[in-house]
Amino acid sequence: MRDLSMWHNFLKILSPDNKKKELTGDEAIATILVRAAKTDNAYTKSEQNLIEKLLSIQIQVTIAEATKLRARGEDLEREINDNVQLTRIIKNEIQYENRHELIQKLWQIIIDDDIRTPEENKFMRVLAHLLGVNDVQSAQARAKAMIIKDKNTTQT
């Protein structure tokens, strides 16, 4: 009887209902944005709000929908340690010509707290490489992110 129970549990694990749902491009983007915010071990409300704003713009959804997606990204960020898997999904979602915009959004999150740590710099180098964005393009994206931050700071 015990053998049948074990077999039943094994078949249950393999059933289509229990297979992990594939990540969408939007979920992968949200996860990477959350990971960027958490890289310096400080995940602030300001970064959360910025992620929601950037997601809202990126995927053209309401802030409420972006908030749900950010929360999903937080869950996935804890579950998925593989940046290669995430960037592979993102590369399938975002054309090469538009990936520098994602790098710019990531830089906006990195510089939101006015502190750049060595871990954040390393994260951005690795992520840019995985997304096929070269160092010059990443530096240009960082410069644009700084201009946006300065503009937003002077308006408030």
C-alpha atoms as a PDB file:
ATOM      1  CA  MET A   1       0.000   0.000   0.000  1.00  0.00           C
ATOM      2  CA  ARG A   2       2.821   2.395   0.846  1.00  0.00           C
ATOM      3  CA  ASP A   3       4.405   1.840  -2.569  1.00  0.00           C
ATOM      4  CA  LEU A   4       1.177   2.891  -4.282  1.00  0.00           C
ATOM      5  CA  SER A   5       1.018   6.067  -2.212  1.00  0.00           C
ATOM      6  CA  MET A   6       4.591   6.971  -3.152  1.00  0.00           C
ATOM      7  CA  TRP A   7       3.844   6.275  -6.820  1.00  0.00           C
ATOM      8  CA  HIS A   8       0.696   8.428  -6.627  1.00  0.00           C
ATOM      9  CA  ASN A   9       2.676  11.308  -5.091  1.00  0.00           C
ATOM     10  CA  PHE A  10       5.334  10.966  -7.772  1.00  0.00           C
ATOM     11  CA  LEU A  11       2.741  11.128 -10.554  1.00  0.00           C
ATOM     12  CA  LYS A  12       1.095  14.102  -8.851  1.00  0.00           C
ATOM     13  CA  ILE A  13       4.412  15.987  -8.898  1.00  0.00           C
ATOM     14  CA  LEU A  14       4.769  15.352 -12.617  1.00  0.00           C
ATOM     15  CA  SER A  15       1.227  16.394 -13.457  1.00  0.00           C
ATOM     16  CA  PRO A  16       0.829  19.509 -15.658  1.00  0.00           C
ATOM     17  CA  ASP A  17      -0.893  21.361 -12.812  1.00  0.00           C
ATOM     18  CA  ASN A  18       2.249  21.193 -10.688  1.00  0.00           C
ATOM     19  CA  LYS A  19       4.737  22.268 -13.331  1.00  0.00           C
ATOM     20  CA  LYS A  20       6.060  25.759 -12.791  1.00  0.00           C
ATOM     21  CA  LYS A  21       4.429  28.333 -14.976  1.00  0.00           C
ATOM     22  CA  GLU A  22       6.878  29.939 -17.361  1.00  0.00           C
ATOM     23  CA  LEU A  23       7.796  33.486 -16.534  1.00  0.00           C
ATOM     24  CA  THR A  24       6.487  36.247 -18.736  1.00  0.00           C
ATOM     25  CA  GLY A  25       8.780  38.957 -20.023  1.00  0.00           C
ATOM     26  CA  ASP A  26       7.003  41.465 -17.782  1.00  0.00           C
ATOM     27  CA  GLU A  27       7.616  39.297 -14.719  1.00  0.00           C
ATOM     28  CA  ALA A  28      11.287  38.887 -15.643  1.00  0.00           C
ATOM     29  CA  ILE A  29      11.666  42.659 -16.065  1.00  0.00           C
ATOM     30  CA  ALA A  30       9.964  43.301 -12.712  1.00  0.00           C
ATOM     31  CA  THR A  31      12.236  40.731 -11.068  1.00  0.00           C
ATOM     32  CA  ILE A  32      15.399  42.297 -12.492  1.00  0.00           C
ATOM     33  CA  LEU A  33      14.267  45.779 -11.424  1.00  0.00           C
ATOM     34  CA  VAL A  34      13.633  44.526  -7.876  1.00  0.00           C
ATOM     35  CA  ARG A  35      16.994  42.737  -7.847  1.00  0.00           C
ATOM     36  CA  ALA A  36      18.722  45.966  -8.888  1.00  0.00           C
ATOM     37  CA  ALA A  37      17.037  47.801  -6.016  1.00  0.00           C
ATOM     38  CA  LYS A  38      18.055  45.137  -3.514  1.00  0.00           C
ATOM     39  CA  THR A  39      21.677  44.863  -4.666  1.00  0.00           C
ATOM     40  CA  ASP A  40      22.887  47.347  -2.039  1.00  0.00           C
ATOM     41  CA  ASN A  41      20.896  45.531   0.686  1.00  0.00           C
ATOM     42  CA  ALA A  42      18.560  48.511   1.098  1.00  0.00           C
ATOM     43  CA  TYR A  43      15.154  48.272  -0.556  1.00  0.00           C
ATOM     44  CA  THR A  44      13.481  51.605   0.015  1.00  0.00           C
ATOM     45  CA  LYS A  45       9.938  52.835  -0.519  1.00  0.00           C
ATOM     46  CA  SER A  46      11.369  55.327  -3.010  1.00  0.00           C
ATOM     47  CA  GLU A  47      12.841  52.452  -5.036  1.00  0.00           C
ATOM     48  CA  GLN A  48       9.549  50.556  -4.870  1.00  0.00           C
ATOM     49  CA  ASN A  49       7.665  53.611  -6.161  1.00  0.00           C
ATOM     50  CA  LEU A  50      10.240  54.108  -8.911  1.00  0.00           C
ATOM     51  CA  ILE A  51       9.940  50.464  -9.975  1.00  0.00           C
ATOM     52  CA  GLU A  52       6.166  50.874 -10.211  1.00  0.00           C
ATOM     53  CA  LYS A  53       6.526  54.041 -12.263  1.00  0.00           C
ATOM     54  CA  LEU A  54       9.074  52.443 -14.602  1.00  0.00           C
ATOM     55  CA  LEU A  55       6.982  49.281 -15.020  1.00  0.00           C
ATOM     56  CA  SER A  56       3.911  51.387 -15.720  1.00  0.00           C
ATOM     57  CA  ILE A  57       5.777  53.186 -18.498  1.00  0.00           C
ATOM     58  CA  GLN A  58       7.609  50.092 -19.811  1.00  0.00           C
ATOM     59  CA  ILE A  59       4.586  47.863 -20.208  1.00  0.00           C
ATOM     60  CA  GLN A  60       1.903  50.547 -20.369  1.00  0.00           C
ATOM     61  CA  VAL A  61      -0.224  49.541 -17.398  1.00  0.00           C
ATOM     62  CA  THR A  62      -1.791  51.455 -14.524  1.00  0.00           C
ATOM     63  CA  ILE A  63       0.180  52.091 -11.340  1.00  0.00           C
ATOM     64  CA  ALA A  64      -2.125  49.619  -9.545  1.00  0.00           C
ATOM     65  CA  GLU A  65      -1.227  46.910 -12.062  1.00  0.00           C
ATOM     66  CA  ALA A  66       2.440  47.885 -11.839  1.00  0.00           C
ATOM     67  CA  THR A  67       2.233  47.558  -8.036  1.00  0.00           C
ATOM     68  CA  LYS A  68       0.955  43.988  -8.392  1.00  0.00           C
ATOM     69  CA  LEU A  69       3.701  43.230 -10.896  1.00  0.00           C
ATOM     70  CA  ARG A  70       6.355  44.689  -8.559  1.00  0.00           C
ATOM     71  CA  ALA A  71       5.043  42.478  -5.750  1.00  0.00           C
ATOM     72  CA  ARG A  72       5.238  39.473  -8.088  1.00  0.00           C
ATOM     73  CA  GLY A  73       8.782  40.532  -8.981  1.00  0.00           C
ATOM     74  CA  GLU A  74       9.655  40.593  -5.277  1.00  0.00           C
ATOM     75  CA  ASP A  75       8.400  37.008  -4.881  1.00  0.00           C
ATOM     76  CA  LEU A  76      10.273  35.843  -7.965  1.00  0.00           C
ATOM     77  CA  GLU A  77      13.438  37.663  -6.929  1.00  0.00           C
ATOM     78  CA  ARG A  78      13.512  35.551  -3.763  1.00  0.00           C
ATOM     79  CA  GLU A  79      12.864  32.335  -5.735  1.00  0.00           C
ATOM     80  CA  ILE A  80      15.117  32.796  -8.784  1.00  0.00           C
ATOM     81  CA  ASN A  81      18.852  33.196  -8.388  1.00  0.00           C
ATOM     82  CA  ASP A  82      19.669  32.856 -12.077  1.00  0.00           C
ATOM     83  CA  ASN A  83      20.185  36.184 -13.861  1.00  0.00           C
ATOM     84  CA  VAL A  84      20.960  34.277 -17.071  1.00  0.00           C
ATOM     85  CA  GLN A  85      17.470  32.756 -17.070  1.00  0.00           C
ATOM     86  CA  LEU A  86      15.874  36.143 -16.439  1.00  0.00           C
ATOM     87  CA  THR A  87      17.896  37.954 -19.096  1.00  0.00           C
ATOM     88  CA  ARG A  88      17.185  35.195 -21.614  1.00  0.00           C
ATOM     89  CA  ILE A  89      13.460  35.792 -21.138  1.00  0.00           C
ATOM     90  CA  ILE A  90      13.963  39.564 -21.350  1.00  0.00           C
ATOM     91  CA  LYS A  91      16.018  39.239 -24.556  1.00  0.00           C
ATOM     92  CA  ASN A  92      13.122  37.329 -26.103  1.00  0.00           C
ATOM     93  CA  GLU A  93      10.778  40.142 -25.040  1.00  0.00           C
ATOM     94  CA  ILE A  94      12.830  43.254 -25.846  1.00  0.00           C
ATOM     95  CA  GLN A  95      14.494  43.829 -29.189  1.00  0.00           C
ATOM     96  CA  TYR A  96      18.234  44.452 -29.079  1.00  0.00           C
ATOM     97  CA  GLU A  97      17.819  48.088 -30.130  1.00  0.00           C
ATOM     98  CA  ASN A  98      15.623  48.784 -27.093  1.00  0.00           C
ATOM     99  CA  ARG A  99      17.612  47.013 -24.368  1.00  0.00           C
ATOM    100  CA  HIS A 100      19.637  50.130 -23.555  1.00  0.00           C
ATOM    101  CA  GLU A 101      16.343  51.646 -22.300  1.00  0.00           C
ATOM    102  CA  LEU A 102      16.043  48.814 -19.776  1.00  0.00           C
ATOM    103  CA  ILE A 103      19.653  49.395 -18.731  1.00  0.00           C
ATOM    104  CA  GLN A 104      18.763  53.079 -18.233  1.00  0.00           C
ATOM    105  CA  LYS A 105      15.824  52.099 -16.011  1.00  0.00           C
ATOM    106  CA  LEU A 106      18.095  49.822 -14.009  1.00  0.00           C
ATOM    107  CA  TRP A 107      20.578  52.687 -13.564  1.00  0.00           C
ATOM    108  CA  GLN A 108      17.718  54.916 -12.391  1.00  0.00           C
ATOM    109  CA  ILE A 109      17.002  52.430  -9.629  1.00  0.00           C
ATOM    110  CA  ILE A 110      20.688  52.008  -8.749  1.00  0.00           C
ATOM    111  CA  ILE A 111      21.222  55.776  -8.368  1.00  0.00           C
ATOM    112  CA  ASP A 112      17.875  56.490  -6.704  1.00  0.00           C
ATOM    113  CA  ASP A 113      19.461  56.551  -3.237  1.00  0.00           C
ATOM    114  CA  ASP A 114      22.460  58.652  -4.378  1.00  0.00           C
ATOM    115  CA  ILE A 115      24.874  55.866  -3.431  1.00  0.00           C
ATOM    116  CA  ARG A 116      26.587  53.484  -5.857  1.00  0.00           C
ATOM    117  CA  THR A 117      28.182  50.493  -4.239  1.00  0.00           C
ATOM    118  CA  PRO A 118      30.783  48.201  -5.817  1.00  0.00           C
ATOM    119  CA  GLU A 119      28.128  45.454  -5.767  1.00  0.00           C
ATOM    120  CA  GLU A 120      25.745  47.624  -7.781  1.00  0.00           C
ATOM    121  CA  ASN A 121      28.460  48.475 -10.306  1.00  0.00           C
ATOM    122  CA  LYS A 122      29.305  44.776 -10.678  1.00  0.00           C
ATOM    123  CA  PHE A 123      25.620  43.885 -11.019  1.00  0.00           C
ATOM    124  CA  MET A 124      25.182  46.437 -13.787  1.00  0.00           C
ATOM    125  CA  ARG A 125      28.307  45.289 -15.664  1.00  0.00           C
ATOM    126  CA  VAL A 126      27.125  41.679 -15.578  1.00  0.00           C
ATOM    127  CA  LEU A 127      23.543  42.515 -16.499  1.00  0.00           C
ATOM    128  CA  ALA A 128      24.535  44.790 -19.377  1.00  0.00           C
ATOM    129  CA  HIS A 129      26.771  42.033 -20.715  1.00  0.00           C
ATOM    130  CA  LEU A 130      23.998  39.419 -20.398  1.00  0.00           C
ATOM    131  CA  LEU A 131      21.592  41.720 -22.255  1.00  0.00           C
ATOM    132  CA  GLY A 132      24.137  42.402 -24.999  1.00  0.00           C
ATOM    133  CA  VAL A 133      24.628  46.059 -24.080  1.00  0.00           C
ATOM    134  CA  ASN A 134      28.243  47.190 -24.267  1.00  0.00           C
ATOM    135  CA  ASP A 135      30.075  49.326 -21.705  1.00  0.00           C
ATOM    136  CA  VAL A 136      29.739  52.510 -23.750  1.00  0.00           C
ATOM    137  CA  GLN A 137      25.978  52.064 -24.127  1.00  0.00           C
ATOM    138  CA  SER A 138      25.674  51.313 -20.415  1.00  0.00           C
ATOM    139  CA  ALA A 139      27.630  54.466 -19.557  1.00  0.00           C
ATOM    140  CA  GLN A 140      25.371  56.484 -21.862  1.00  0.00           C
ATOM    141  CA  ALA A 141      22.312  54.948 -20.184  1.00  0.00           C
ATOM    142  CA  ARG A 142      23.767  55.824 -16.760  1.00  0.00           C
ATOM    143  CA  ALA A 143      24.343  59.424 -17.882  1.00  0.00           C
ATOM    144  CA  LYS A 144      20.714  59.678 -19.065  1.00  0.00           C
ATOM    145  CA  ALA A 145      19.537  58.215 -15.760  1.00  0.00           C
ATOM    146  CA  MET A 146      21.568  60.864 -13.897  1.00  0.00           C
ATOM    147  CA  ILE A 147      20.015  63.641 -16.009  1.00  0.00           C
ATOM    148  CA  ILE A 148      16.515  62.295 -15.273  1.00  0.00           C
ATOM    149  CA  LYS A 149      17.292  62.104 -11.549  1.00  0.00           C
ATOM    150  CA  ASP A 150      18.692  65.649 -11.503  1.00  0.00           C
ATOM    151  CA  LYS A 151      15.660  66.941 -13.415  1.00  0.00           C
ATOM    152  CA  ASN A 152      13.256  65.192 -11.003  1.00  0.00           C
ATOM    153  CA  THR A 153      15.188  66.477  -7.982  1.00  0.00           C
ATOM    154  CA  THR A 154      15.044  70.105  -9.133  1.00  0.00           C
ATOM    155  CA  GLN A 155      11.300  69.846  -9.846  1.00  0.00           C
ATOM    156  CA  THR A 156      10.473  68.749  -6.305  1.00  0.00           C
END
